[in-house]
Amino acid sequence: MKENPLLTKSFKFALRIVKLCRFLNDQEHEFVLSKQILVTGTSIGAMVEEAQVGEDRQDFARKLSAANKFAFKTNYWLRLLHEGEYLKKEEFDSILADCEELQKLLLSALKTTRNSSAH
């Protein structure tokens, strides 16, 4: 079976988010924002996984759209954590780049799905 980059990257990103939350809890004693980013950051991959078993192309697109919304929310929480001085620039730049890559992949997949639905 061919590897799906969106599935792979969203899962790896979720794992990074879990580790980030552990760091925020254990080292920074930050619990409120870490819960927010845990929900949104892991929901991206969960929605991508769920899209794979969508009932039809429209359901698939809805699930990807939800994943995309979670990615944008995660981007927000990452910026807030950085500006709130919980994430150093190097850590922030790395995880934000991963988040933005996921956002681009999701937007591309949504565009492709919508274009193929129109035909």
PDB file of N, CA and C in Angstrom:
ATOM      1  N   MET A   1       0.839  -1.181   0.000  1.00  0.00           N
ATOM      2  CA  MET A   1       0.000   0.000   0.000  1.00  0.00           C
ATOM      3  C   MET A   1       0.886   1.247   0.000  1.00  0.00           C
ATOM      4  N   LYS A   2       0.517   2.221  -0.831  1.00  0.00           N
ATOM      5  CA  LYS A   2       1.284   3.454  -0.971  1.00  0.00           C
ATOM      6  C   LYS A   2       1.167   4.303   0.295  1.00  0.00           C
ATOM      7  N   GLU A   3       2.301   4.867   0.701  1.00  0.00           N
ATOM      8  CA  GLU A   3       2.305   5.714   1.901  1.00  0.00           C
ATOM      9  C   GLU A   3       1.546   7.011   1.618  1.00  0.00           C
ATOM     10  N   ASN A   4       0.752   7.429   2.575  1.00  0.00           N
ATOM     11  CA  ASN A   4       0.010   8.676   2.485  1.00  0.00           C
ATOM     12  C   ASN A   4       0.754   9.722   3.318  1.00  0.00           C
ATOM     13  N   PRO A   5       1.409  10.693   2.665  1.00  0.00           N
ATOM     14  CA  PRO A   5       2.197  11.685   3.411  1.00  0.00           C
ATOM     15  C   PRO A   5       1.380  12.469   4.441  1.00  0.00           C
ATOM     16  N   LEU A   6       0.133  12.744   4.125  1.00  0.00           N
ATOM     17  CA  LEU A   6      -0.706  13.496   5.060  1.00  0.00           C
ATOM     18  C   LEU A   6      -0.971  12.682   6.327  1.00  0.00           C
ATOM     19  N   LEU A   7      -1.257  11.397   6.170  1.00  0.00           N
ATOM     20  CA  LEU A   7      -1.456  10.527   7.335  1.00  0.00           C
ATOM     21  C   LEU A   7      -0.180  10.450   8.173  1.00  0.00           C
ATOM     22  N   THR A   8       0.925  10.218   7.509  1.00  0.00           N
ATOM     23  CA  THR A   8       2.212  10.070   8.197  1.00  0.00           C
ATOM     24  C   THR A   8       2.601  11.341   8.932  1.00  0.00           C
ATOM     25  N   LYS A   9       2.538  12.465   8.238  1.00  0.00           N
ATOM     26  CA  LYS A   9       2.965  13.728   8.839  1.00  0.00           C
ATOM     27  C   LYS A   9       2.024  14.187   9.952  1.00  0.00           C
ATOM     28  N   SER A  10       0.735  13.952   9.786  1.00  0.00           N
ATOM     29  CA  SER A  10      -0.197  14.369  10.844  1.00  0.00           C
ATOM     30  C   SER A  10      -0.023  13.514  12.098  1.00  0.00           C
ATOM     31  N   PHE A  11       0.307  12.223  11.923  1.00  0.00           N
ATOM     32  CA  PHE A  11       0.556  11.364  13.078  1.00  0.00           C
ATOM     33  C   PHE A  11       1.840  11.794  13.796  1.00  0.00           C
ATOM     34  N   LYS A  12       2.900  12.028  13.027  1.00  0.00           N
ATOM     35  CA  LYS A  12       4.173  12.454  13.630  1.00  0.00           C
ATOM     36  C   LYS A  12       4.023  13.807  14.323  1.00  0.00           C
ATOM     37  N   PHE A  13       3.220  14.676  13.725  1.00  0.00           N
ATOM     38  CA  PHE A  13       2.982  15.978  14.338  1.00  0.00           C
ATOM     39  C   PHE A  13       2.236  15.811  15.664  1.00  0.00           C
ATOM     40  N   ALA A  14       1.237  14.943  15.687  1.00  0.00           N
ATOM     41  CA  ALA A  14       0.497  14.683  16.923  1.00  0.00           C
ATOM     42  C   ALA A  14       1.434  14.172  18.015  1.00  0.00           C
ATOM     43  N   LEU A  15       2.360  13.332  17.636  1.00  0.00           N
ATOM     44  CA  LEU A  15       3.333  12.817  18.604  1.00  0.00           C
ATOM     45  C   LEU A  15       4.204  13.951  19.146  1.00  0.00           C
ATOM     46  N   ARG A  16       4.605  14.872  18.277  1.00  0.00           N
ATOM     47  CA  ARG A  16       5.375  16.039  18.732  1.00  0.00           C
ATOM     48  C   ARG A  16       4.548  16.876  19.708  1.00  0.00           C
ATOM     49  N   ILE A  17       3.268  17.008  19.427  1.00  0.00           N
ATOM     50  CA  ILE A  17       2.386  17.795  20.294  1.00  0.00           C
ATOM     51  C   ILE A  17       2.263  17.129  21.664  1.00  0.00           C
ATOM     52  N   VAL A  18       2.135  15.816  21.691  1.00  0.00           N
ATOM     53  CA  VAL A  18       2.059  15.087  22.963  1.00  0.00           C
ATOM     54  C   VAL A  18       3.333  15.326  23.775  1.00  0.00           C
ATOM     55  N   LYS A  19       4.473  15.250  23.107  1.00  0.00           N
ATOM     56  CA  LYS A  19       5.753  15.487  23.803  1.00  0.00           C
ATOM     57  C   LYS A  19       5.875  16.937  24.255  1.00  0.00           C
ATOM     58  N   LEU A  20       5.389  17.870  23.438  1.00  0.00           N
ATOM     59  CA  LEU A  20       5.403  19.280  23.812  1.00  0.00           C
ATOM     60  C   LEU A  20       4.554  19.495  25.066  1.00  0.00           C
ATOM     61  N   CYS A  21       3.397  18.869  25.111  1.00  0.00           N
ATOM     62  CA  CYS A  21       2.524  19.012  26.279  1.00  0.00           C
ATOM     63  C   CYS A  21       3.162  18.436  27.533  1.00  0.00           C
ATOM     64  N   ARG A  22       3.844  17.317  27.373  1.00  0.00           N
ATOM     65  CA  ARG A  22       4.553  16.737  28.518  1.00  0.00           C
ATOM     66  C   ARG A  22       5.612  17.721  29.023  1.00  0.00           C
ATOM     67  N   PHE A  23       6.357  18.330  28.097  1.00  0.00           N
ATOM     68  CA  PHE A  23       7.361  19.333  28.465  1.00  0.00           C
ATOM     69  C   PHE A  23       6.704  20.526  29.170  1.00  0.00           C
ATOM     70  N   LEU A  24       5.620  21.028  28.587  1.00  0.00           N
ATOM     71  CA  LEU A  24       4.943  22.188  29.171  1.00  0.00           C
ATOM     72  C   LEU A  24       4.435  21.894  30.580  1.00  0.00           C
ATOM     73  N   ASN A  25       3.922  20.692  30.778  1.00  0.00           N
ATOM     74  CA  ASN A  25       3.424  20.304  32.106  1.00  0.00           C
ATOM     75  C   ASN A  25       4.561  20.090  33.094  1.00  0.00           C
ATOM     76  N   ASP A  26       5.551  19.298  32.694  1.00  0.00           N
ATOM     77  CA  ASP A  26       6.634  18.904  33.603  1.00  0.00           C
ATOM     78  C   ASP A  26       7.646  20.012  33.865  1.00  0.00           C
ATOM     79  N   GLN A  27       8.048  20.720  32.824  1.00  0.00           N
ATOM     80  CA  GLN A  27       9.115  21.712  32.962  1.00  0.00           C
ATOM     81  C   GLN A  27       8.603  23.133  33.215  1.00  0.00           C
ATOM     82  N   GLU A  28       7.547  23.505  32.545  1.00  0.00           N
ATOM     83  CA  GLU A  28       7.047  24.876  32.628  1.00  0.00           C
ATOM     84  C   GLU A  28       5.856  25.020  33.590  1.00  0.00           C
ATOM     85  N   HIS A  29       5.322  23.891  34.028  1.00  0.00           N
ATOM     86  CA  HIS A  29       4.153  23.886  34.909  1.00  0.00           C
ATOM     87  C   HIS A  29       3.007  24.711  34.304  1.00  0.00           C
ATOM     88  N   GLU A  30       2.842  24.536  33.011  1.00  0.00           N
ATOM     89  CA  GLU A  30       1.787  25.223  32.260  1.00  0.00           C
ATOM     90  C   GLU A  30       0.757  24.165  31.881  1.00  0.00           C
ATOM     91  N   PHE A  31      -0.478  24.356  32.323  1.00  0.00           N
ATOM     92  CA  PHE A  31      -1.495  23.315  32.142  1.00  0.00           C
ATOM     93  C   PHE A  31      -2.685  23.746  31.279  1.00  0.00           C
ATOM     94  N   VAL A  32      -2.974  25.017  31.213  1.00  0.00           N
ATOM     95  CA  VAL A  32      -4.159  25.482  30.491  1.00  0.00           C
ATOM     96  C   VAL A  32      -3.916  25.491  28.984  1.00  0.00           C
ATOM     97  N   LEU A  33      -2.896  26.202  28.555  1.00  0.00           N
ATOM     98  CA  LEU A  33      -2.596  26.265  27.120  1.00  0.00           C
ATOM     99  C   LEU A  33      -2.179  24.901  26.580  1.00  0.00           C
ATOM    100  N   SER A  34      -1.498  24.122  27.401  1.00  0.00           N
ATOM    101  CA  SER A  34      -1.058  22.803  26.938  1.00  0.00           C
ATOM    102  C   SER A  34      -2.252  21.900  26.634  1.00  0.00           C
ATOM    103  N   LYS A  35      -3.326  22.040  27.396  1.00  0.00           N
ATOM    104  CA  LYS A  35      -4.531  21.247  27.105  1.00  0.00           C
ATOM    105  C   LYS A  35      -5.156  21.684  25.785  1.00  0.00           C
ATOM    106  N   GLN A  36      -5.160  22.984  25.536  1.00  0.00           N
ATOM    107  CA  GLN A  36      -5.721  23.499  24.289  1.00  0.00           C
ATOM    108  C   GLN A  36      -4.958  22.944  23.088  1.00  0.00           C
ATOM    109  N   ILE A  37      -3.645  23.035  23.150  1.00  0.00           N
ATOM    110  CA  ILE A  37      -2.849  22.596  22.006  1.00  0.00           C
ATOM    111  C   ILE A  37      -2.843  21.072  21.885  1.00  0.00           C
ATOM    112  N   LEU A  38      -3.000  20.378  22.995  1.00  0.00           N
ATOM    113  CA  LEU A  38      -3.099  18.920  22.935  1.00  0.00           C
ATOM    114  C   LEU A  38      -4.353  18.517  22.158  1.00  0.00           C
ATOM    115  N   VAL A  39      -5.451  19.172  22.431  1.00  0.00           N
ATOM    116  CA  VAL A  39      -6.703  18.862  21.736  1.00  0.00           C
ATOM    117  C   VAL A  39      -6.595  19.193  20.245  1.00  0.00           C
ATOM    118  N   THR A  40      -6.193  20.408  19.940  1.00  0.00           N
ATOM    119  CA  THR A  40      -6.173  20.810  18.526  1.00  0.00           C
ATOM    120  C   THR A  40      -5.076  20.101  17.744  1.00  0.00           C
ATOM    121  N   GLY A  41      -3.903  19.976  18.334  1.00  0.00           N
ATOM    122  CA  GLY A  41      -2.767  19.377  17.621  1.00  0.00           C
ATOM    123  C   GLY A  41      -2.921  17.898  17.328  1.00  0.00           C
ATOM    124  N   THR A  42      -3.585  17.176  18.223  1.00  0.00           N
ATOM    125  CA  THR A  42      -3.804  15.750  17.974  1.00  0.00           C
ATOM    126  C   THR A  42      -5.065  15.511  17.150  1.00  0.00           C
ATOM    127  N   SER A  43      -5.967  16.468  17.156  1.00  0.00           N
ATOM    128  CA  SER A  43      -7.203  16.320  16.380  1.00  0.00           C
ATOM    129  C   SER A  43      -6.959  16.414  14.877  1.00  0.00           C
ATOM    130  N   ILE A  44      -5.885  17.063  14.477  1.00  0.00           N
ATOM    131  CA  ILE A  44      -5.563  17.147  13.047  1.00  0.00           C
ATOM    132  C   ILE A  44      -5.438  15.737  12.486  1.00  0.00           C
ATOM    133  N   GLY A  45      -4.557  14.954  13.081  1.00  0.00           N
ATOM    134  CA  GLY A  45      -4.331  13.589  12.618  1.00  0.00           C
ATOM    135  C   GLY A  45      -5.553  12.708  12.778  1.00  0.00           C
ATOM    136  N   ALA A  46      -6.291  12.902  13.866  1.00  0.00           N
ATOM    137  CA  ALA A  46      -7.497  12.096  14.089  1.00  0.00           C
ATOM    138  C   ALA A  46      -8.520  12.336  12.976  1.00  0.00           C
ATOM    139  N   MET A  47      -8.660  13.587  12.556  1.00  0.00           N
ATOM    140  CA  MET A  47      -9.608  13.895  11.490  1.00  0.00           C
ATOM    141  C   MET A  47      -9.105  13.394  10.127  1.00  0.00           C
ATOM    142  N   VAL A  48      -7.806  13.440   9.917  1.00  0.00           N
ATOM    143  CA  VAL A  48      -7.240  12.900   8.673  1.00  0.00           C
ATOM    144  C   VAL A  48      -7.476  11.395   8.622  1.00  0.00           C
ATOM    145  N   GLU A  49      -7.267  10.728   9.746  1.00  0.00           N
ATOM    146  CA  GLU A  49      -7.534   9.279   9.822  1.00  0.00           C
ATOM    147  C   GLU A  49      -9.009   8.997   9.545  1.00  0.00           C
ATOM    148  N   GLU A  50      -9.871   9.774  10.177  1.00  0.00           N
ATOM    149  CA  GLU A  50     -11.304   9.568  10.015  1.00  0.00           C
ATOM    150  C   GLU A  50     -11.738   9.810   8.568  1.00  0.00           C
ATOM    151  N   ALA A  51     -11.095  10.767   7.909  1.00  0.00           N
ATOM    152  CA  ALA A  51     -11.433  11.063   6.506  1.00  0.00           C
ATOM    153  C   ALA A  51     -11.192   9.857   5.604  1.00  0.00           C
ATOM    154  N   GLN A  52     -10.233   9.018   5.975  1.00  0.00           N
ATOM    155  CA  GLN A  52      -9.899   7.858   5.146  1.00  0.00           C
ATOM    156  C   GLN A  52     -11.062   6.882   5.023  1.00  0.00           C
ATOM    157  N   VAL A  53     -11.953   6.911   5.984  1.00  0.00           N
ATOM    158  CA  VAL A  53     -13.118   6.015   5.939  1.00  0.00           C
ATOM    159  C   VAL A  53     -14.404   6.811   5.768  1.00  0.00           C
ATOM    160  N   GLY A  54     -14.274   7.975   5.135  1.00  0.00           N
ATOM    161  CA  GLY A  54     -15.437   8.818   4.889  1.00  0.00           C
ATOM    162  C   GLY A  54     -16.478   8.072   4.059  1.00  0.00           C
ATOM    163  N   GLU A  55     -17.719   8.402   4.297  1.00  0.00           N
ATOM    164  CA  GLU A  55     -18.827   7.737   3.609  1.00  0.00           C
ATOM    165  C   GLU A  55     -18.820   8.011   2.111  1.00  0.00           C
ATOM    166  N   ASP A  56     -18.406   9.212   1.741  1.00  0.00           N
ATOM    167  CA  ASP A  56     -18.334   9.592   0.336  1.00  0.00           C
ATOM    168  C   ASP A  56     -17.337  10.744   0.213  1.00  0.00           C
ATOM    169  N   ARG A  57     -17.177  11.266  -0.992  1.00  0.00           N
ATOM    170  CA  ARG A  57     -16.197  12.335  -1.237  1.00  0.00           C
ATOM    171  C   ARG A  57     -16.536  13.589  -0.424  1.00  0.00           C
ATOM    172  N   GLN A  58     -17.817  13.872  -0.264  1.00  0.00           N
ATOM    173  CA  GLN A  58     -18.249  15.039   0.505  1.00  0.00           C
ATOM    174  C   GLN A  58     -17.889  14.879   1.986  1.00  0.00           C
ATOM    175  N   ASP A  59     -18.097  13.695   2.539  1.00  0.00           N
ATOM    176  CA  ASP A  59     -17.740  13.409   3.925  1.00  0.00           C
ATOM    177  C   ASP A  59     -16.227  13.507   4.102  1.00  0.00           C
ATOM    178  N   PHE A  60     -15.490  12.958   3.133  1.00  0.00           N
ATOM    179  CA  PHE A  60     -14.030  13.042   3.138  1.00  0.00           C
ATOM    180  C   PHE A  60     -13.590  14.510   3.207  1.00  0.00           C
ATOM    181  N   ALA A  61     -14.191  15.349   2.369  1.00  0.00           N
ATOM    182  CA  ALA A  61     -13.841  16.771   2.336  1.00  0.00           C
ATOM    183  C   ALA A  61     -14.195  17.457   3.654  1.00  0.00           C
ATOM    184  N   ARG A  62     -15.332  17.111   4.249  1.00  0.00           N
ATOM    185  CA  ARG A  62     -15.722  17.696   5.545  1.00  0.00           C
ATOM    186  C   ARG A  62     -14.705  17.362   6.631  1.00  0.00           C
ATOM    187  N   LYS A  63     -14.239  16.120   6.636  1.00  0.00           N
ATOM    188  CA  LYS A  63     -13.258  15.702   7.654  1.00  0.00           C
ATOM    189  C   LYS A  63     -11.922  16.425   7.453  1.00  0.00           C
ATOM    190  N   LEU A  64     -11.509  16.556   6.183  1.00  0.00           N
ATOM    191  CA  LEU A  64     -10.265  17.286   5.913  1.00  0.00           C
ATOM    192  C   LEU A  64     -10.412  18.759   6.276  1.00  0.00           C
ATOM    193  N   SER A  65     -11.595  19.309   6.037  1.00  0.00           N
ATOM    194  CA  SER A  65     -11.847  20.698   6.398  1.00  0.00           C
ATOM    195  C   SER A  65     -11.760  20.885   7.917  1.00  0.00           C
ATOM    196  N   ALA A  66     -12.283  19.929   8.655  1.00  0.00           N
ATOM    197  CA  ALA A  66     -12.183  19.991  10.122  1.00  0.00           C
ATOM    198  C   ALA A  66     -10.725  19.892  10.560  1.00  0.00           C
ATOM    199  N   ALA A  67      -9.974  19.002   9.932  1.00  0.00           N
ATOM    200  CA  ALA A  67      -8.541  18.870  10.244  1.00  0.00           C
ATOM    201  C   ALA A  67      -7.821  20.188   9.967  1.00  0.00           C
ATOM    202  N   ASN A  68      -8.185  20.833   8.878  1.00  0.00           N
ATOM    203  CA  ASN A  68      -7.578  22.112   8.518  1.00  0.00           C
ATOM    204  C   ASN A  68      -7.884  23.181   9.569  1.00  0.00           C
ATOM    205  N   LYS A  69      -9.103  23.194  10.062  1.00  0.00           N
ATOM    206  CA  LYS A  69      -9.463  24.149  11.115  1.00  0.00           C
ATOM    207  C   LYS A  69      -8.651  23.893  12.386  1.00  0.00           C
ATOM    208  N   PHE A  70      -8.476  22.631  12.728  1.00  0.00           N
ATOM    209  CA  PHE A  70      -7.644  22.295  13.895  1.00  0.00           C
ATOM    210  C   PHE A  70      -6.200  22.722  13.680  1.00  0.00           C
ATOM    211  N   ALA A  71      -5.707  22.603  12.453  1.00  0.00           N
ATOM    212  CA  ALA A  71      -4.332  23.018  12.151  1.00  0.00           C
ATOM    213  C   ALA A  71      -4.173  24.523  12.342  1.00  0.00           C
ATOM    214  N   PHE A  72      -5.157  25.295  11.898  1.00  0.00           N
ATOM    215  CA  PHE A  72      -5.086  26.741  12.089  1.00  0.00           C
ATOM    216  C   PHE A  72      -5.172  27.115  13.557  1.00  0.00           C
ATOM    217  N   LYS A  73      -5.991  26.410  14.324  1.00  0.00           N
ATOM    218  CA  LYS A  73      -6.062  26.662  15.761  1.00  0.00           C
ATOM    219  C   LYS A  73      -4.737  26.305  16.435  1.00  0.00           C
ATOM    220  N   THR A  74      -4.144  25.211  16.011  1.00  0.00           N
ATOM    221  CA  THR A  74      -2.860  24.793  16.579  1.00  0.00           C
ATOM    222  C   THR A  74      -1.792  25.837  16.294  1.00  0.00           C
ATOM    223  N   ASN A  75      -1.793  26.374  15.084  1.00  0.00           N
ATOM    224  CA  ASN A  75      -0.858  27.435  14.720  1.00  0.00           C
ATOM    225  C   ASN A  75      -1.015  28.608  15.692  1.00  0.00           C
ATOM    226  N   TYR A  76      -2.241  28.953  15.992  1.00  0.00           N
ATOM    227  CA  TYR A  76      -2.525  30.038  16.940  1.00  0.00           C
ATOM    228  C   TYR A  76      -1.940  29.741  18.322  1.00  0.00           C
ATOM    229  N   TRP A  77      -2.216  28.527  18.836  1.00  0.00           N
ATOM    230  CA  TRP A  77      -1.723  28.172  20.175  1.00  0.00           C
ATOM    231  C   TRP A  77      -0.199  28.146  20.215  1.00  0.00           C
ATOM    232  N   LEU A  78       0.421  27.683  19.130  1.00  0.00           N
ATOM    233  CA  LEU A  78       1.892  27.675  19.081  1.00  0.00           C
ATOM    234  C   LEU A  78       2.443  29.095  19.157  1.00  0.00           C
ATOM    235  N   ARG A  79       1.838  30.003  18.406  1.00  0.00           N
ATOM    236  CA  ARG A  79       2.296  31.399  18.442  1.00  0.00           C
ATOM    237  C   ARG A  79       2.092  32.001  19.825  1.00  0.00           C
ATOM    238  N   LEU A  80       0.979  31.665  20.454  1.00  0.00           N
ATOM    239  CA  LEU A  80       0.702  32.167  21.800  1.00  0.00           C
ATOM    240  C   LEU A  80       1.718  31.624  22.809  1.00  0.00           C
ATOM    241  N   LEU A  81       2.029  30.352  22.694  1.00  0.00           N
ATOM    242  CA  LEU A  81       3.041  29.759  23.589  1.00  0.00           C
ATOM    243  C   LEU A  81       4.409  30.404  23.387  1.00  0.00           C
ATOM    244  N   HIS A  82       4.731  30.696  22.149  1.00  0.00           N
ATOM    245  CA  HIS A  82       6.024  31.336  21.866  1.00  0.00           C
ATOM    246  C   HIS A  82       6.053  32.766  22.417  1.00  0.00           C
ATOM    247  N   GLU A  83       5.022  33.536  22.107  1.00  0.00           N
ATOM    248  CA  GLU A  83       4.975  34.923  22.576  1.00  0.00           C
ATOM    249  C   GLU A  83       4.851  34.993  24.104  1.00  0.00           C
ATOM    250  N   GLY A  84       4.258  33.969  24.698  1.00  0.00           N
ATOM    251  CA  GLY A  84       4.151  33.893  26.155  1.00  0.00           C
ATOM    252  C   GLY A  84       5.422  33.370  26.809  1.00  0.00           C
ATOM    253  N   GLU A  85       6.433  33.136  25.996  1.00  0.00           N
ATOM    254  CA  GLU A  85       7.769  32.717  26.435  1.00  0.00           C
ATOM    255  C   GLU A  85       7.808  31.314  27.041  1.00  0.00           C
ATOM    256  N   TYR A  86       6.925  30.438  26.552  1.00  0.00           N
ATOM    257  CA  TYR A  86       6.982  29.033  26.944  1.00  0.00           C
ATOM    258  C   TYR A  86       7.814  28.213  25.968  1.00  0.00           C
ATOM    259  N   LEU A  87       7.956  28.715  24.738  1.00  0.00           N
ATOM    260  CA  LEU A  87       8.743  28.030  23.714  1.00  0.00           C
ATOM    261  C   LEU A  87       9.865  28.936  23.243  1.00  0.00           C
ATOM    262  N   LYS A  88      11.068  28.394  23.220  1.00  0.00           N
ATOM    263  CA  LYS A  88      12.207  29.140  22.694  1.00  0.00           C
ATOM    264  C   LYS A  88      12.085  29.211  21.176  1.00  0.00           C
ATOM    265  N   LYS A  89      12.756  30.180  20.597  1.00  0.00           N
ATOM    266  CA  LYS A  89      12.647  30.432  19.164  1.00  0.00           C
ATOM    267  C   LYS A  89      12.954  29.199  18.324  1.00  0.00           C
ATOM    268  N   GLU A  90      14.006  28.483  18.645  1.00  0.00           N
ATOM    269  CA  GLU A  90      14.401  27.304  17.857  1.00  0.00           C
ATOM    270  C   GLU A  90      13.316  26.224  17.902  1.00  0.00           C
ATOM    271  N   GLU A  91      12.800  25.945  19.095  1.00  0.00           N
ATOM    272  CA  GLU A  91      11.726  24.948  19.244  1.00  0.00           C
ATOM    273  C   GLU A  91      10.469  25.396  18.501  1.00  0.00           C
ATOM    274  N   PHE A  92      10.134  26.670  18.677  1.00  0.00           N
ATOM    275  CA  PHE A  92       8.952  27.239  18.051  1.00  0.00           C
ATOM    276  C   PHE A  92       9.053  27.178  16.529  1.00  0.00           C
ATOM    277  N   ASP A  93      10.185  27.615  15.985  1.00  0.00           N
ATOM    278  CA  ASP A  93      10.361  27.631  14.531  1.00  0.00           C
ATOM    279  C   ASP A  93      10.196  26.239  13.939  1.00  0.00           C
ATOM    280  N   SER A  94      10.733  25.245  14.609  1.00  0.00           N
ATOM    281  CA  SER A  94      10.678  23.867  14.121  1.00  0.00           C
ATOM    282  C   SER A  94       9.250  23.316  14.108  1.00  0.00           C
ATOM    283  N   ILE A  95       8.554  23.452  15.224  1.00  0.00           N
ATOM    284  CA  ILE A  95       7.208  22.879  15.301  1.00  0.00           C
ATOM    285  C   ILE A  95       6.209  23.701  14.485  1.00  0.00           C
ATOM    286  N   LEU A  96       6.426  25.021  14.408  1.00  0.00           N
ATOM    287  CA  LEU A  96       5.552  25.849  13.578  1.00  0.00           C
ATOM    288  C   LEU A  96       5.721  25.481  12.100  1.00  0.00           C
ATOM    289  N   ALA A  97       6.951  25.211  11.680  1.00  0.00           N
ATOM    290  CA  ALA A  97       7.187  24.799  10.286  1.00  0.00           C
ATOM    291  C   ALA A  97       6.439  23.504   9.978  1.00  0.00           C
ATOM    292  N   ASP A  98       6.442  22.566  10.919  1.00  0.00           N
ATOM    293  CA  ASP A  98       5.689  21.317  10.735  1.00  0.00           C
ATOM    294  C   ASP A  98       4.189  21.589  10.634  1.00  0.00           C
ATOM    295  N   CYS A  99       3.699  22.482  11.471  1.00  0.00           N
ATOM    296  CA  CYS A  99       2.278  22.825  11.468  1.00  0.00           C
ATOM    297  C   CYS A  99       1.906  23.479  10.135  1.00  0.00           C
ATOM    298  N   GLU A 100       2.719  24.405   9.681  1.00  0.00           N
ATOM    299  CA  GLU A 100       2.436  25.094   8.421  1.00  0.00           C
ATOM    300  C   GLU A 100       2.527  24.145   7.230  1.00  0.00           C
ATOM    301  N   GLU A 101       3.429  23.173   7.287  1.00  0.00           N
ATOM    302  CA  GLU A 101       3.497  22.166   6.232  1.00  0.00           C
ATOM    303  C   GLU A 101       2.201  21.352   6.189  1.00  0.00           C
ATOM    304  N   LEU A 102       1.699  20.987   7.359  1.00  0.00           N
ATOM    305  CA  LEU A 102       0.420  20.272   7.425  1.00  0.00           C
ATOM    306  C   LEU A 102      -0.716  21.128   6.870  1.00  0.00           C
ATOM    307  N   GLN A 103      -0.715  22.402   7.200  1.00  0.00           N
ATOM    308  CA  GLN A 103      -1.745  23.299   6.691  1.00  0.00           C
ATOM    309  C   GLN A 103      -1.714  23.322   5.157  1.00  0.00           C
ATOM    310  N   LYS A 104      -0.533  23.402   4.584  1.00  0.00           N
ATOM    311  CA  LYS A 104      -0.400  23.420   3.122  1.00  0.00           C
ATOM    312  C   LYS A 104      -0.875  22.104   2.512  1.00  0.00           C
ATOM    313  N   LEU A 105      -0.495  20.998   3.128  1.00  0.00           N
ATOM    314  CA  LEU A 105      -0.935  19.689   2.625  1.00  0.00           C
ATOM    315  C   LEU A 105      -2.452  19.555   2.692  1.00  0.00           C
ATOM    316  N   LEU A 106      -3.036  20.011   3.782  1.00  0.00           N
ATOM    317  CA  LEU A 106      -4.485  19.935   3.941  1.00  0.00           C
ATOM    318  C   LEU A 106      -5.201  20.816   2.916  1.00  0.00           C
ATOM    319  N   LEU A 107      -4.709  22.025   2.729  1.00  0.00           N
ATOM    320  CA  LEU A 107      -5.322  22.916   1.748  1.00  0.00           C
ATOM    321  C   LEU A 107      -5.225  22.334   0.341  1.00  0.00           C
ATOM    322  N   SER A 108      -4.088  21.740   0.033  1.00  0.00           N
ATOM    323  CA  SER A 108      -3.905  21.117  -1.278  1.00  0.00           C
ATOM    324  C   SER A 108      -4.852  19.933  -1.460  1.00  0.00           C
ATOM    325  N   ALA A 109      -4.966  19.103  -0.430  1.00  0.00           N
ATOM    326  CA  ALA A 109      -5.867  17.941  -0.499  1.00  0.00           C
ATOM    327  C   ALA A 109      -7.316  18.389  -0.634  1.00  0.00           C
ATOM    328  N   LEU A 110      -7.683  19.439   0.083  1.00  0.00           N
ATOM    329  CA  LEU A 110      -9.048  19.965  -0.018  1.00  0.00           C
ATOM    330  C   LEU A 110      -9.325  20.515  -1.414  1.00  0.00           C
ATOM    331  N   LYS A 111      -8.372  21.239  -1.946  1.00  0.00           N
ATOM    332  CA  LYS A 111      -8.531  21.799  -3.294  1.00  0.00           C
ATOM    333  C   LYS A 111      -8.678  20.684  -4.323  1.00  0.00           C
ATOM    334  N   THR A 112      -7.844  19.658  -4.229  1.00  0.00           N
ATOM    335  CA  THR A 112      -7.915  18.526  -5.149  1.00  0.00           C
ATOM    336  C   THR A 112      -9.252  17.806  -5.030  1.00  0.00           C
ATOM    337  N   THR A 113      -9.690  17.595  -3.799  1.00  0.00           N
ATOM    338  CA  THR A 113     -10.971  16.903  -3.569  1.00  0.00           C
ATOM    339  C   THR A 113     -12.135  17.712  -4.130  1.00  0.00           C
ATOM    340  N   ARG A 114     -12.118  19.005  -3.891  1.00  0.00           N
ATOM    341  CA  ARG A 114     -13.214  19.849  -4.369  1.00  0.00           C
ATOM    342  C   ARG A 114     -13.215  19.935  -5.897  1.00  0.00           C
ATOM    343  N   ASN A 115     -12.016  20.007  -6.491  1.00  0.00           N
ATOM    344  CA  ASN A 115     -11.935  20.066  -7.953  1.00  0.00           C
ATOM    345  C   ASN A 115     -12.402  18.778  -8.605  1.00  0.00           C
ATOM    346  N   SER A 116     -12.072  17.647  -7.997  1.00  0.00           N
ATOM    347  CA  SER A 116     -12.493  16.367  -8.569  1.00  0.00           C
ATOM    348  C   SER A 116     -13.979  16.129  -8.354  1.00  0.00           C
ATOM    349  N   SER A 117     -14.555  16.764  -7.336  1.00  0.00           N
ATOM    350  CA  SER A 117     -15.996  16.635  -7.091  1.00  0.00           C
ATOM    351  C   SER A 117     -16.802  17.444  -8.106  1.00  0.00           C
ATOM    352  N   ALA A 118     -16.186  18.484  -8.619  1.00  0.00           N
ATOM    353  CA  ALA A 118     -16.881  19.357  -9.559  1.00  0.00           C
ATOM    354  C   ALA A 118     -17.035  18.700 -10.935  1.00  0.00           C
ATOM    355  N   HIS A 119     -16.258  17.683 -11.208  1.00  0.00           N
ATOM    356  CA  HIS A 119     -16.312  17.025 -12.520  1.00  0.00           C
ATOM    357  C   HIS A 119     -17.183  15.813 -12.531  1.00  0.00           C
TER     358      HIS A 119
END
